[in-house]
Amino acid sequence: MSEVNCAMNYIGNFIAPDPNVVLPNAELSKDDKLIIDSAVSTIENWNTLCEHGVSIALSNNQDIQYLTQANNEFRQKTNSLRNMTGVLRTKLARLSNL
C-alpha cells in the first residue's frame, strides 16, 4: 500500500504541485515532457480521426440515410400542419366575430 501512496503523491505532484512538498526526482525531464506531449497529440489525432471516420460511416449507412430522410419529411409535414392550423384558427376567429 505504501507504494500506491507514493505513486499517488507523484501523480498528484504532476497534476497540482504543492509548493510546500518536495518530492525527490519529481521534476520531469525535457525528454519526458516531449514524450508526453507527443503521446497526447497522437491520442487527440486518433480521437479526431475516429470521430470523423464514424460520422462518415454513419452518413453512408442506409438506415441513417432513411432516418434522416424520414426526419426531414416529418419536419416538413409538421410545418405544413402548423400553417394549416393557423389558417383554420384565423377562419374560426372571423366566423365567431360575425
Protein backbone atom coordinates (compact mmCIF):
# COMPACT_ATOMS: atom_id res chain seq x y z
CA MET A 1 0.00 0.00 0.00
CA SER A 2 2.91 2.39 0.66
CA GLU A 3 3.99 2.06 -2.99
CA VAL A 4 0.49 3.04 -4.15
CA ASN A 5 0.51 6.04 -1.82
CA CYS A 6 3.95 7.02 -3.09
CA ALA A 7 2.76 6.76 -6.70
CA MET A 8 -0.34 8.81 -5.89
CA ASN A 9 1.86 11.50 -4.32
CA TYR A 10 3.92 11.74 -7.51
CA ILE A 11 0.84 11.77 -9.73
CA GLY A 12 -0.72 14.46 -7.55
CA ASN A 13 2.52 16.43 -7.77
CA PHE A 14 2.34 16.43 -11.56
CA ILE A 15 -1.33 17.41 -11.62
CA ALA A 16 -1.38 20.05 -8.88
CA PRO A 17 2.04 20.52 -7.29
CA ASP A 18 2.13 21.68 -3.69
CA PRO A 19 4.95 24.22 -3.26
CA ASN A 20 5.40 23.09 0.37
CA VAL A 21 6.09 19.46 -0.57
CA VAL A 22 9.37 18.50 -2.24
CA LEU A 23 9.45 15.06 -3.82
CA PRO A 24 12.81 13.66 -4.93
CA ASN A 25 13.18 13.39 -8.71
CA ALA A 26 9.66 14.74 -9.18
CA GLU A 27 10.57 17.13 -11.99
CA LEU A 28 10.07 15.70 -15.47
CA SER A 29 12.98 15.90 -17.88
CA LYS A 30 12.61 17.70 -21.19
CA ASP A 31 12.60 14.34 -22.96
CA ASP A 32 9.82 13.06 -20.67
CA LYS A 33 7.75 16.18 -21.33
CA LEU A 34 8.32 15.83 -25.08
CA ILE A 35 7.22 12.17 -24.98
CA ILE A 36 4.09 13.06 -23.01
CA ASP A 37 3.23 15.94 -25.39
CA SER A 38 3.75 13.65 -28.36
CA ALA A 39 1.54 10.96 -26.81
CA VAL A 40 -1.20 13.49 -26.09
CA SER A 41 -1.05 14.76 -29.69
CA THR A 42 -1.24 11.20 -31.01
CA ILE A 43 -4.26 10.41 -28.83
CA GLU A 44 -6.02 13.62 -29.88
CA ASN A 45 -5.31 12.92 -33.57
CA TRP A 46 -6.65 9.38 -33.28
CA ASN A 47 -9.72 10.68 -31.47
CA THR A 48 -10.38 13.20 -34.25
CA LEU A 49 -9.84 10.53 -36.90
CA CYS A 50 -12.18 8.09 -35.15
CA GLU A 51 -14.93 10.70 -34.72
CA HIS A 52 -14.61 11.83 -38.34
CA GLY A 53 -14.49 8.24 -39.58
CA VAL A 54 -17.57 7.31 -37.58
CA SER A 55 -19.53 10.27 -38.93
CA ILE A 56 -18.56 9.33 -42.50
CA ALA A 57 -19.51 5.71 -41.92
CA LEU A 58 -22.82 6.71 -40.36
CA SER A 59 -23.68 9.16 -43.15
CA ASN A 60 -23.16 6.35 -45.70
CA ASN A 61 -25.29 3.88 -43.73
CA GLN A 62 -28.66 3.22 -45.43
CA ASP A 63 -30.53 3.13 -42.13
CA ILE A 64 -29.12 6.52 -41.11
CA GLN A 65 -29.94 7.94 -44.54
CA TYR A 66 -33.52 6.67 -44.20
CA LEU A 67 -33.87 8.13 -40.70
CA THR A 68 -32.53 11.49 -41.91
CA GLN A 69 -34.95 11.50 -44.84
CA ALA A 70 -37.91 10.48 -42.66
CA ASN A 71 -36.99 13.15 -40.11
CA ASN A 72 -36.93 15.81 -42.84
CA GLU A 73 -40.32 14.65 -44.15
CA PHE A 74 -41.82 14.77 -40.63
CA ARG A 75 -40.38 18.25 -40.16
CA GLN A 76 -42.00 19.43 -43.41
CA LYS A 77 -45.36 17.85 -42.51
CA THR A 78 -45.20 19.41 -39.04
CA ASN A 79 -44.61 22.84 -40.55
CA SER A 80 -47.47 22.34 -43.03
CA LEU A 81 -49.80 21.20 -40.24
CA ARG A 82 -48.78 24.19 -38.12
CA ASN A 83 -49.53 26.57 -41.01
CA MET A 84 -52.90 24.96 -41.76
CA THR A 85 -53.83 25.08 -38.08
CA GLY A 86 -53.04 28.80 -38.06
CA VAL A 87 -55.22 29.38 -41.12
CA LEU A 88 -58.08 27.39 -39.56
CA ARG A 89 -57.85 29.35 -36.30
CA THR A 90 -57.97 32.60 -38.23
CA LYS A 91 -61.08 31.49 -40.13
CA LEU A 92 -62.78 30.32 -36.92
CA ALA A 93 -61.97 33.62 -35.24
CA ARG A 94 -63.54 35.52 -38.13
CA LEU A 95 -66.68 33.36 -38.00
CA SER A 96 -67.06 33.82 -34.26
CA ASN A 97 -66.82 37.61 -34.69
CA LEU A 98 -69.77 37.67 -37.12
